Amino acid sequence: MNQARYLDYNGEFYRSTEAIFQSNNRSFRYGDGIFETMRVEDGKVPLLRYHVERLQKSMTLLQFDNVHRFDEDFVLKRIQELLIKNGLVDSECRVRLAVFRDGEGLYTPTTNVPAYLIEVNRLDKKINIHNQAGLIIDVFPDHRKSVNSLSALKSSNSLLYVLAGVYRKKHGLDDVVILNDEGFICETSSSNIFVIYENTIYTPALTEGCVDGVMRRSIIDFAEAEGIEIVEAQINPHILNEAEEIFITNAVHGIQCVLGYKKKRYFNRLSKKIWGQYEQWLYRFSESD
C-alpha cells in the first residue's frame, strides 16, 4: 500500500511528513475518538450511507457536538478533494477518516467539538474472494474483549487489536479470532466473522461485543433481501472445528474465505456463491443512492 503525499486535517491539506498534532491531542492521550475505514473505487465510496450512519451514531454515543456536519455530502466531498490533491482520482484506495474530540483537558474534556483527519492510500491490488488462496486463522488466547455499549465502536483505543496483530504475526497466521469476556466468538483482529454450519450462516450478535461492521451490516441486509437466512447468535469457538465454511468481512477487502483453522480445512463453495450474488446486490444498492 502506497503512502499518499497529502492528508486533510480539519479542511486544510498538509503533507504527510508534516507535524500537525501537539502532545495534548486527545486521540493521542486518551484514545478519545473513533474512525471509519472505507474503500474508494472511481472516486466513489461503496456503502457510504452505512459508513456515515455508523459514524454519526458513534459520535452521538461519545457526546460530540456538530454530529450532522459529518453527512454523506461532506464526507464524500472531503475524500474526493483529497484524492484530487494526491492524484489518486482513478485509483482504488483505502481511506481512513478519524474523528476525535478537539481541545484540551485531562479525562474531562474542555470541549466536545470534533476534529477530523482523513488519509488516503492507494491499494496495490484488488483483493477479492476469487484471487485468494484462503486464510489460516487461530484463536487469540491472550486477551478477551469486554462486552458493553462501547464494544461496537471502531475506537481509537485499539490495544486489543494491536496485541492480536502482534500474536498473529508472531505465529505466522493470516488472522486471529477474538473471544469476548465469556469465551464466545466476537470477531477477528480485522473483520467480522461468519460461520456456515449445517447449511446455516451464523454471525456473532452485536450483544456479543463485535464491532458493528459496515460490511457485516450490508451482508445481513443483502441476505434478507435475497431470502438467505443469517442467524445472529452467541457462538461457541468449538464450532470452528465443525463448520463447513468460514468467511470474514470488512469494508476494504469485502469477503475473505478462511482456508484453515488448526488441522481443520474448509472448502468455501457457498461463500463464493454468496459473494457473486452480493456483488450484484451491491451494484443495485449503489445505484439507488
C-alpha atoms as a PDB file:
ATOM      1  CA  MET A   1       0.000   0.000   0.000  1.00  0.00           C
ATOM      2  CA  ASN A   2       1.489   3.326  -1.096  1.00  0.00           C
ATOM      3  CA  GLN A   3       1.583   6.323   1.213  1.00  0.00           C
ATOM      4  CA  ALA A   4      -0.094   9.411  -0.213  1.00  0.00           C
ATOM      5  CA  ARG A   5       1.659  12.785  -0.057  1.00  0.00           C
ATOM      6  CA  TYR A   6      -1.158  14.817   1.474  1.00  0.00           C
ATOM      7  CA  LEU A   7      -3.765  14.428   4.195  1.00  0.00           C
ATOM      8  CA  ASP A   8      -6.773  16.509   5.211  1.00  0.00           C
ATOM      9  CA  TYR A   9      -6.781  17.845   8.759  1.00  0.00           C
ATOM     10  CA  ASN A  10      -9.889  19.886   9.575  1.00  0.00           C
ATOM     11  CA  GLY A  11     -10.312  21.068   5.987  1.00  0.00           C
ATOM     12  CA  GLU A  12      -6.679  22.004   5.338  1.00  0.00           C
ATOM     13  CA  PHE A  13      -4.199  19.960   3.338  1.00  0.00           C
ATOM     14  CA  TYR A  14      -0.895  19.031   4.949  1.00  0.00           C
ATOM     15  CA  ARG A  15       1.991  16.982   3.683  1.00  0.00           C
ATOM     16  CA  SER A  16       2.049  13.564   5.302  1.00  0.00           C
ATOM     17  CA  THR A  17       5.540  14.349   6.619  1.00  0.00           C
ATOM     18  CA  GLU A  18       4.397  17.477   8.493  1.00  0.00           C
ATOM     19  CA  ALA A  19       3.742  17.520  12.246  1.00  0.00           C
ATOM     20  CA  ILE A  20       0.125  18.547  12.833  1.00  0.00           C
ATOM     21  CA  PHE A  21      -0.590  17.417  16.401  1.00  0.00           C
ATOM     22  CA  GLN A  22       0.667  18.602  19.738  1.00  0.00           C
ATOM     23  CA  SER A  23       1.206  16.253  22.668  1.00  0.00           C
ATOM     24  CA  ASN A  24      -2.124  17.277  24.236  1.00  0.00           C
ATOM     25  CA  ASN A  25      -4.121  15.792  21.340  1.00  0.00           C
ATOM     26  CA  ARG A  26      -6.921  13.829  22.973  1.00  0.00           C
ATOM     27  CA  SER A  27      -6.834  10.973  20.483  1.00  0.00           C
ATOM     28  CA  PHE A  28      -3.135  10.519  21.263  1.00  0.00           C
ATOM     29  CA  ARG A  29      -3.522  10.900  25.035  1.00  0.00           C
ATOM     30  CA  TYR A  30      -6.753   9.036  25.705  1.00  0.00           C
ATOM     31  CA  GLY A  31      -7.894   7.324  22.527  1.00  0.00           C
ATOM     32  CA  ASP A  32     -10.773   9.812  22.633  1.00  0.00           C
ATOM     33  CA  GLY A  33     -12.092   9.230  19.142  1.00  0.00           C
ATOM     34  CA  ILE A  34     -13.384   6.863  16.504  1.00  0.00           C
ATOM     35  CA  PHE A  35     -12.576   6.119  12.878  1.00  0.00           C
ATOM     36  CA  GLU A  36     -14.052   4.805   9.653  1.00  0.00           C
ATOM     37  CA  THR A  37     -12.094   2.715   7.171  1.00  0.00           C
ATOM     38  CA  MET A  38     -13.515   2.904   3.654  1.00  0.00           C
ATOM     39  CA  ARG A  39     -12.716   1.710   0.168  1.00  0.00           C
ATOM     40  CA  VAL A  40     -12.791   4.146  -2.752  1.00  0.00           C
ATOM     41  CA  GLU A  41     -13.328   2.998  -6.330  1.00  0.00           C
ATOM     42  CA  ASP A  42     -13.527   5.505  -9.211  1.00  0.00           C
ATOM     43  CA  GLY A  43     -13.966   8.338  -6.738  1.00  0.00           C
ATOM     44  CA  LYS A  44     -16.966   6.677  -5.074  1.00  0.00           C
ATOM     45  CA  VAL A  45     -17.303   5.045  -1.655  1.00  0.00           C
ATOM     46  CA  PRO A  46     -19.357   1.839  -1.688  1.00  0.00           C
ATOM     47  CA  LEU A  47     -21.758   1.734   1.265  1.00  0.00           C
ATOM     48  CA  LEU A  48     -21.076   5.393   2.094  1.00  0.00           C
ATOM     49  CA  ARG A  49     -24.558   5.659   3.602  1.00  0.00           C
ATOM     50  CA  TYR A  50     -23.733   2.885   6.078  1.00  0.00           C
ATOM     51  CA  HIS A  51     -20.374   4.446   6.953  1.00  0.00           C
ATOM     52  CA  VAL A  52     -21.920   7.836   7.672  1.00  0.00           C
ATOM     53  CA  GLU A  53     -24.781   6.378   9.685  1.00  0.00           C
ATOM     54  CA  ARG A  54     -22.328   4.447  11.856  1.00  0.00           C
ATOM     55  CA  LEU A  55     -20.059   7.473  12.199  1.00  0.00           C
ATOM     56  CA  GLN A  56     -22.895   9.735  13.346  1.00  0.00           C
ATOM     57  CA  LYS A  57     -24.247   7.099  15.715  1.00  0.00           C
ATOM     58  CA  SER A  58     -20.789   6.672  17.246  1.00  0.00           C
ATOM     59  CA  MET A  59     -20.250  10.421  17.571  1.00  0.00           C
ATOM     60  CA  THR A  60     -23.607  10.746  19.333  1.00  0.00           C
ATOM     61  CA  LEU A  61     -22.695   7.965  21.755  1.00  0.00           C
ATOM     62  CA  LEU A  62     -19.434   9.759  22.563  1.00  0.00           C
ATOM     63  CA  GLN A  63     -21.354  13.040  23.038  1.00  0.00           C
ATOM     64  CA  PHE A  64     -19.606  15.001  20.281  1.00  0.00           C
ATOM     65  CA  ASP A  65     -21.087  18.270  19.043  1.00  0.00           C
ATOM     66  CA  ASN A  66     -21.884  19.050  15.375  1.00  0.00           C
ATOM     67  CA  VAL A  67     -22.649  15.429  14.561  1.00  0.00           C
ATOM     68  CA  HIS A  68     -24.782  16.242  11.497  1.00  0.00           C
ATOM     69  CA  ARG A  69     -21.948  18.189   9.887  1.00  0.00           C
ATOM     70  CA  PHE A  70     -20.475  14.778   9.022  1.00  0.00           C
ATOM     71  CA  ASP A  71     -23.124  13.848   6.487  1.00  0.00           C
ATOM     72  CA  GLU A  72     -22.682  11.976   3.195  1.00  0.00           C
ATOM     73  CA  ASP A  73     -22.090  15.136   1.129  1.00  0.00           C
ATOM     74  CA  PHE A  74     -19.418  16.459   3.499  1.00  0.00           C
ATOM     75  CA  VAL A  75     -17.551  13.169   3.853  1.00  0.00           C
ATOM     76  CA  LEU A  76     -17.581  12.388   0.124  1.00  0.00           C
ATOM     77  CA  LYS A  77     -16.545  15.923  -0.839  1.00  0.00           C
ATOM     78  CA  ARG A  78     -13.567  15.915   1.523  1.00  0.00           C
ATOM     79  CA  ILE A  79     -12.470  12.468   0.330  1.00  0.00           C
ATOM     80  CA  GLN A  80     -12.767  13.407  -3.343  1.00  0.00           C
ATOM     81  CA  GLU A  81     -10.809  16.636  -2.859  1.00  0.00           C
ATOM     82  CA  LEU A  82      -8.055  14.732  -1.072  1.00  0.00           C
ATOM     83  CA  LEU A  83      -7.950  12.188  -3.896  1.00  0.00           C
ATOM     84  CA  ILE A  84      -7.537  15.045  -6.399  1.00  0.00           C
ATOM     85  CA  LYS A  85      -4.786  16.616  -4.280  1.00  0.00           C
ATOM     86  CA  ASN A  86      -2.918  13.304  -4.263  1.00  0.00           C
ATOM     87  CA  GLY A  87      -3.526  12.456  -7.922  1.00  0.00           C
ATOM     88  CA  LEU A  88      -5.484   9.328  -6.962  1.00  0.00           C
ATOM     89  CA  VAL A  89      -8.870  10.016  -8.560  1.00  0.00           C
ATOM     90  CA  ASP A  90      -8.717   6.934 -10.792  1.00  0.00           C
ATOM     91  CA  SER A  91      -7.108   4.663  -8.184  1.00  0.00           C
ATOM     92  CA  GLU A  92      -8.568   2.165  -5.756  1.00  0.00           C
ATOM     93  CA  CYS A  93      -7.726   3.471  -2.311  1.00  0.00           C
ATOM     94  CA  ARG A  94      -8.105   2.813   1.361  1.00  0.00           C
ATOM     95  CA  VAL A  95      -9.498   5.825   3.235  1.00  0.00           C
ATOM     96  CA  ARG A  96      -9.234   6.362   6.971  1.00  0.00           C
ATOM     97  CA  LEU A  97     -11.421   9.070   8.487  1.00  0.00           C
ATOM     98  CA  ALA A  98     -10.583   9.680  12.149  1.00  0.00           C
ATOM     99  CA  VAL A  99     -12.850  11.897  14.264  1.00  0.00           C
ATOM    100  CA  PHE A 100     -11.701  12.885  17.739  1.00  0.00           C
ATOM    101  CA  ARG A 101     -12.556  15.364  20.457  1.00  0.00           C
ATOM    102  CA  ASP A 102     -10.717  18.643  19.940  1.00  0.00           C
ATOM    103  CA  GLY A 103      -9.277  20.832  22.678  1.00  0.00           C
ATOM    104  CA  GLU A 104      -7.506  20.093  25.914  1.00  0.00           C
ATOM    105  CA  GLY A 105      -8.383  18.779  29.373  1.00  0.00           C
ATOM    106  CA  LEU A 106      -7.484  15.679  31.327  1.00  0.00           C
ATOM    107  CA  TYR A 107     -10.048  12.868  31.409  1.00  0.00           C
ATOM    108  CA  THR A 108     -12.699  15.581  31.483  1.00  0.00           C
ATOM    109  CA  PRO A 109     -12.556  17.472  28.154  1.00  0.00           C
ATOM    110  CA  THR A 110     -12.775  21.231  27.839  1.00  0.00           C
ATOM    111  CA  THR A 111     -14.961  20.936  24.734  1.00  0.00           C
ATOM    112  CA  ASN A 112     -16.948  18.355  22.777  1.00  0.00           C
ATOM    113  CA  VAL A 113     -16.169  19.919  19.394  1.00  0.00           C
ATOM    114  CA  PRO A 114     -14.911  17.252  16.967  1.00  0.00           C
ATOM    115  CA  ALA A 115     -11.774  17.473  14.842  1.00  0.00           C
ATOM    116  CA  TYR A 116     -11.045  15.132  11.942  1.00  0.00           C
ATOM    117  CA  LEU A 117      -8.210  13.694   9.896  1.00  0.00           C
ATOM    118  CA  ILE A 118      -8.556  11.970   6.512  1.00  0.00           C
ATOM    119  CA  GLU A 119      -5.806   9.831   4.977  1.00  0.00           C
ATOM    120  CA  VAL A 120      -5.889   8.055   1.612  1.00  0.00           C
ATOM    121  CA  ASN A 121      -3.543   5.348   0.404  1.00  0.00           C
ATOM    122  CA  ARG A 122      -3.500   3.528  -2.923  1.00  0.00           C
ATOM    123  CA  LEU A 123      -4.233  -0.191  -2.712  1.00  0.00           C
ATOM    124  CA  ASP A 124      -1.603  -2.230  -4.523  1.00  0.00           C
ATOM    125  CA  LYS A 125      -4.124  -4.699  -5.898  1.00  0.00           C
ATOM    126  CA  LYS A 126      -7.770  -5.591  -5.613  1.00  0.00           C
ATOM    127  CA  ILE A 127      -8.125  -8.429  -3.159  1.00  0.00           C
ATOM    128  CA  ASN A 128     -11.301 -10.422  -3.563  1.00  0.00           C
ATOM    129  CA  ILE A 129     -12.688 -13.834  -2.912  1.00  0.00           C
ATOM    130  CA  HIS A 130     -11.667 -15.130  -6.340  1.00  0.00           C
ATOM    131  CA  ASN A 131      -7.926 -14.409  -6.108  1.00  0.00           C
ATOM    132  CA  GLN A 132      -7.376 -15.545  -2.519  1.00  0.00           C
ATOM    133  CA  ALA A 133      -5.704 -18.773  -1.507  1.00  0.00           C
ATOM    134  CA  GLY A 134      -7.683 -18.595   1.736  1.00  0.00           C
ATOM    135  CA  LEU A 135      -6.710 -17.502   5.221  1.00  0.00           C
ATOM    136  CA  ILE A 136      -5.201 -19.535   8.040  1.00  0.00           C
ATOM    137  CA  ILE A 137      -6.571 -18.498  11.422  1.00  0.00           C
ATOM    138  CA  ASP A 138      -6.448 -19.434  15.104  1.00  0.00           C
ATOM    139  CA  VAL A 139      -7.967 -18.155  18.337  1.00  0.00           C
ATOM    140  CA  PHE A 140      -6.177 -15.279  20.088  1.00  0.00           C
ATOM    141  CA  PRO A 141      -5.639 -16.654  23.621  1.00  0.00           C
ATOM    142  CA  ASP A 142      -4.006 -13.775  25.484  1.00  0.00           C
ATOM    143  CA  HIS A 143      -6.826 -11.259  25.990  1.00  0.00           C
ATOM    144  CA  ARG A 144     -10.603 -11.107  25.599  1.00  0.00           C
ATOM    145  CA  LYS A 145     -12.948  -8.294  24.583  1.00  0.00           C
ATOM    146  CA  SER A 146     -15.292  -6.749  27.127  1.00  0.00           C
ATOM    147  CA  VAL A 147     -18.956  -6.518  26.168  1.00  0.00           C
ATOM    148  CA  ASN A 148     -20.603  -3.154  26.808  1.00  0.00           C
ATOM    149  CA  SER A 149     -22.241  -0.261  24.974  1.00  0.00           C
ATOM    150  CA  LEU A 150     -18.850   0.838  23.570  1.00  0.00           C
ATOM    151  CA  SER A 151     -17.916  -2.561  22.126  1.00  0.00           C
ATOM    152  CA  ALA A 152     -19.480  -1.892  18.723  1.00  0.00           C
ATOM    153  CA  LEU A 153     -17.360   1.234  18.104  1.00  0.00           C
ATOM    154  CA  LYS A 154     -14.338   1.434  15.828  1.00  0.00           C
ATOM    155  CA  SER A 155     -12.480   3.167  18.621  1.00  0.00           C
ATOM    156  CA  SER A 156      -9.138   4.950  18.545  1.00  0.00           C
ATOM    157  CA  ASN A 157      -8.357   2.870  21.628  1.00  0.00           C
ATOM    158  CA  SER A 158      -7.338  -0.295  19.766  1.00  0.00           C
ATOM    159  CA  LEU A 159      -4.858  -2.023  22.086  1.00  0.00           C
ATOM    160  CA  LEU A 160      -6.705  -5.351  21.933  1.00  0.00           C
ATOM    161  CA  TYR A 161      -6.397  -5.436  18.135  1.00  0.00           C
ATOM    162  CA  VAL A 162      -2.766  -4.323  18.252  1.00  0.00           C
ATOM    163  CA  LEU A 163      -1.883  -7.190  20.593  1.00  0.00           C
ATOM    164  CA  ALA A 164      -3.916  -9.593  18.469  1.00  0.00           C
ATOM    165  CA  GLY A 165      -1.922  -8.391  15.455  1.00  0.00           C
ATOM    166  CA  VAL A 166       1.353  -8.956  17.285  1.00  0.00           C
ATOM    167  CA  TYR A 167       0.237 -12.510  18.131  1.00  0.00           C
ATOM    168  CA  ARG A 168      -0.882 -13.122  14.535  1.00  0.00           C
ATOM    169  CA  LYS A 169       2.462 -12.034  13.124  1.00  0.00           C
ATOM    170  CA  LYS A 170       4.489 -13.950  15.711  1.00  0.00           C
ATOM    171  CA  HIS A 171       2.670 -17.195  14.905  1.00  0.00           C
ATOM    172  CA  GLY A 172       2.606 -16.778  11.108  1.00  0.00           C
ATOM    173  CA  LEU A 173      -1.174 -16.543  10.843  1.00  0.00           C
ATOM    174  CA  ASP A 174      -3.349 -14.535   8.471  1.00  0.00           C
ATOM    175  CA  ASP A 175      -5.812 -13.508  11.186  1.00  0.00           C
ATOM    176  CA  VAL A 176      -6.921 -14.447  14.694  1.00  0.00           C
ATOM    177  CA  VAL A 177     -10.330 -14.880  16.286  1.00  0.00           C
ATOM    178  CA  ILE A 178     -11.044 -12.658  19.290  1.00  0.00           C
ATOM    179  CA  LEU A 179     -13.287 -14.038  22.030  1.00  0.00           C
ATOM    180  CA  ASN A 180     -15.482 -11.960  24.330  1.00  0.00           C
ATOM    181  CA  ASP A 181     -15.157 -11.999  28.107  1.00  0.00           C
ATOM    182  CA  GLU A 182     -17.459 -15.017  28.352  1.00  0.00           C
ATOM    183  CA  GLY A 183     -15.361 -17.016  25.891  1.00  0.00           C
ATOM    184  CA  PHE A 184     -17.673 -16.819  22.868  1.00  0.00           C
ATOM    185  CA  ILE A 185     -16.642 -15.757  19.359  1.00  0.00           C
ATOM    186  CA  CYS A 186     -16.640 -11.996  18.904  1.00  0.00           C
ATOM    187  CA  GLU A 187     -14.780 -11.138  15.661  1.00  0.00           C
ATOM    188  CA  THR A 188     -11.268 -11.324  14.232  1.00  0.00           C
ATOM    189  CA  SER A 189      -8.465  -8.819  14.591  1.00  0.00           C
ATOM    190  CA  SER A 190      -9.501  -7.117  11.337  1.00  0.00           C
ATOM    191  CA  SER A 191     -13.008  -8.250  10.449  1.00  0.00           C
ATOM    192  CA  ASN A 192     -16.406  -9.578  11.368  1.00  0.00           C
ATOM    193  CA  ILE A 193     -16.792 -13.329  11.095  1.00  0.00           C
ATOM    194  CA  PHE A 194     -19.450 -15.598   9.560  1.00  0.00           C
ATOM    195  CA  VAL A 195     -19.668 -19.342  10.160  1.00  0.00           C
ATOM    196  CA  ILE A 196     -21.562 -21.775   7.923  1.00  0.00           C
ATOM    197  CA  TYR A 197     -22.719 -24.810   9.903  1.00  0.00           C
ATOM    198  CA  GLU A 198     -25.250 -27.372   8.694  1.00  0.00           C
ATOM    199  CA  ASN A 199     -26.072 -25.087   5.744  1.00  0.00           C
ATOM    200  CA  THR A 200     -26.997 -22.155   8.012  1.00  0.00           C
ATOM    201  CA  ILE A 201     -24.973 -18.943   8.223  1.00  0.00           C
ATOM    202  CA  TYR A 202     -24.208 -17.675  11.715  1.00  0.00           C
ATOM    203  CA  THR A 203     -22.503 -14.479  12.850  1.00  0.00           C
ATOM    204  CA  PRO A 204     -21.935 -13.149  16.377  1.00  0.00           C
ATOM    205  CA  ALA A 205     -24.740 -10.854  17.518  1.00  0.00           C
ATOM    206  CA  LEU A 206     -23.827  -7.272  18.410  1.00  0.00           C
ATOM    207  CA  THR A 207     -24.658  -8.205  22.001  1.00  0.00           C
ATOM    208  CA  GLU A 208     -21.573 -10.465  21.878  1.00  0.00           C
ATOM    209  CA  GLY A 209     -19.332  -7.390  21.660  1.00  0.00           C
ATOM    210  CA  CYS A 210     -18.330  -7.358  17.997  1.00  0.00           C
ATOM    211  CA  VAL A 211     -17.730  -4.159  16.037  1.00  0.00           C
ATOM    212  CA  ASP A 212     -20.844  -3.024  14.177  1.00  0.00           C
ATOM    213  CA  GLY A 213     -19.138  -3.552  10.828  1.00  0.00           C
ATOM    214  CA  VAL A 214     -20.380  -1.850   7.675  1.00  0.00           C
ATOM    215  CA  MET A 215     -19.739  -4.968   5.582  1.00  0.00           C
ATOM    216  CA  ARG A 216     -21.379  -7.094   8.255  1.00  0.00           C
ATOM    217  CA  ARG A 217     -24.480  -4.912   8.098  1.00  0.00           C
ATOM    218  CA  SER A 218     -24.567  -4.937   4.311  1.00  0.00           C
ATOM    219  CA  ILE A 219     -24.188  -8.731   4.146  1.00  0.00           C
ATOM    220  CA  ILE A 220     -27.104  -9.124   6.561  1.00  0.00           C
ATOM    221  CA  ASP A 221     -29.234  -6.648   4.575  1.00  0.00           C
ATOM    222  CA  PHE A 222     -28.321  -8.403   1.324  1.00  0.00           C
ATOM    223  CA  ALA A 223     -29.228 -11.791   2.780  1.00  0.00           C
ATOM    224  CA  GLU A 224     -32.596 -10.504   3.982  1.00  0.00           C
ATOM    225  CA  ALA A 225     -33.343  -9.045   0.546  1.00  0.00           C
ATOM    226  CA  GLU A 226     -32.412 -12.311  -1.186  1.00  0.00           C
ATOM    227  CA  GLY A 227     -34.190 -14.611   1.260  1.00  0.00           C
ATOM    228  CA  ILE A 228     -30.975 -16.050   2.711  1.00  0.00           C
ATOM    229  CA  GLU A 229     -31.118 -16.773   6.438  1.00  0.00           C
ATOM    230  CA  ILE A 230     -28.351 -15.373   8.637  1.00  0.00           C
ATOM    231  CA  VAL A 231     -28.633 -16.075  12.367  1.00  0.00           C
ATOM    232  CA  GLU A 232     -27.101 -13.541  14.753  1.00  0.00           C
ATOM    233  CA  ALA A 233     -26.171 -15.626  17.757  1.00  0.00           C
ATOM    234  CA  GLN A 234     -23.848 -16.488  20.606  1.00  0.00           C
ATOM    235  CA  ILE A 235     -21.244 -18.778  19.032  1.00  0.00           C
ATOM    236  CA  ASN A 236     -19.020 -21.216  20.896  1.00  0.00           C
ATOM    237  CA  PRO A 237     -15.481 -21.383  19.434  1.00  0.00           C
ATOM    238  CA  HIS A 238     -15.768 -25.186  19.289  1.00  0.00           C
ATOM    239  CA  ILE A 239     -17.891 -24.687  16.166  1.00  0.00           C
ATOM    240  CA  LEU A 240     -14.686 -23.783  14.303  1.00  0.00           C
ATOM    241  CA  ASN A 241     -13.849 -27.496  14.303  1.00  0.00           C
ATOM    242  CA  GLU A 242     -17.263 -28.466  12.943  1.00  0.00           C
ATOM    243  CA  ALA A 243     -18.156 -25.704  10.479  1.00  0.00           C
ATOM    244  CA  GLU A 244     -18.366 -26.349   6.736  1.00  0.00           C
ATOM    245  CA  GLU A 245     -17.145 -22.858   5.816  1.00  0.00           C
ATOM    246  CA  ILE A 246     -15.955 -19.633   7.416  1.00  0.00           C
ATOM    247  CA  PHE A 247     -15.592 -16.198   5.862  1.00  0.00           C
ATOM    248  CA  ILE A 248     -14.676 -12.804   7.291  1.00  0.00           C
ATOM    249  CA  THR A 249     -15.731  -9.356   6.104  1.00  0.00           C
ATOM    250  CA  ASN A 250     -14.526  -5.771   6.183  1.00  0.00           C
ATOM    251  CA  ALA A 251     -15.135  -2.676   4.084  1.00  0.00           C
ATOM    252  CA  VAL A 252     -11.751  -2.720   2.337  1.00  0.00           C
ATOM    253  CA  HIS A 253     -11.478  -6.370   1.291  1.00  0.00           C
ATOM    254  CA  GLY A 254     -15.128  -7.420   1.157  1.00  0.00           C
ATOM    255  CA  ILE A 255     -15.443 -11.155   1.844  1.00  0.00           C
ATOM    256  CA  GLN A 256     -12.344 -13.238   2.538  1.00  0.00           C
ATOM    257  CA  CYS A 257     -12.530 -17.008   2.797  1.00  0.00           C
ATOM    258  CA  VAL A 258     -10.887 -18.922   5.614  1.00  0.00           C
ATOM    259  CA  LEU A 259      -8.962 -21.960   4.396  1.00  0.00           C
ATOM    260  CA  GLY A 260      -7.956 -23.481   7.708  1.00  0.00           C
ATOM    261  CA  TYR A 261      -8.199 -23.435  11.492  1.00  0.00           C
ATOM    262  CA  LYS A 262      -5.629 -25.658  13.215  1.00  0.00           C
ATOM    263  CA  LYS A 263      -5.959 -29.001  11.330  1.00  0.00           C
ATOM    264  CA  LYS A 264      -9.451 -28.199  10.019  1.00  0.00           C
ATOM    265  CA  ARG A 265      -9.834 -27.233   6.336  1.00  0.00           C
ATOM    266  CA  TYR A 266     -12.790 -25.517   4.656  1.00  0.00           C
ATOM    267  CA  PHE A 267     -13.972 -25.588   1.008  1.00  0.00           C
ATOM    268  CA  ASN A 268     -15.838 -22.249   0.708  1.00  0.00           C
ATOM    269  CA  ARG A 269     -18.219 -23.199  -2.092  1.00  0.00           C
ATOM    270  CA  LEU A 270     -21.208 -21.371  -0.613  1.00  0.00           C
ATOM    271  CA  SER A 271     -19.072 -18.363   0.379  1.00  0.00           C
ATOM    272  CA  LYS A 272     -18.033 -17.783  -3.226  1.00  0.00           C
ATOM    273  CA  LYS A 273     -21.607 -18.178  -4.440  1.00  0.00           C
ATOM    274  CA  ILE A 274     -22.768 -15.636  -1.851  1.00  0.00           C
ATOM    275  CA  TRP A 275     -20.074 -13.177  -2.969  1.00  0.00           C
ATOM    276  CA  GLY A 276     -21.278 -13.338  -6.573  1.00  0.00           C
ATOM    277  CA  GLN A 277     -24.853 -12.626  -5.508  1.00  0.00           C
ATOM    278  CA  TYR A 278     -23.708  -9.908  -3.105  1.00  0.00           C
ATOM    279  CA  GLU A 279     -21.805  -8.042  -5.846  1.00  0.00           C
ATOM    280  CA  GLN A 280     -24.988  -7.832  -7.916  1.00  0.00           C
ATOM    281  CA  TRP A 281     -26.955  -6.602  -4.887  1.00  0.00           C
ATOM    282  CA  LEU A 282     -24.276  -4.019  -4.065  1.00  0.00           C
ATOM    283  CA  TYR A 283     -24.439  -2.640  -7.613  1.00  0.00           C
ATOM    284  CA  ARG A 284     -28.202  -2.159  -7.279  1.00  0.00           C
ATOM    285  CA  PHE A 285     -27.751  -0.665  -3.796  1.00  0.00           C
ATOM    286  CA  SER A 286     -25.123   1.806  -5.050  1.00  0.00           C
ATOM    287  CA  GLU A 287     -27.297   2.843  -7.987  1.00  0.00           C
ATOM    288  CA  SER A 288     -30.161   3.630  -5.623  1.00  0.00           C
ATOM    289  CA  ASP A 289     -28.056   6.092  -3.576  1.00  0.00           C
END
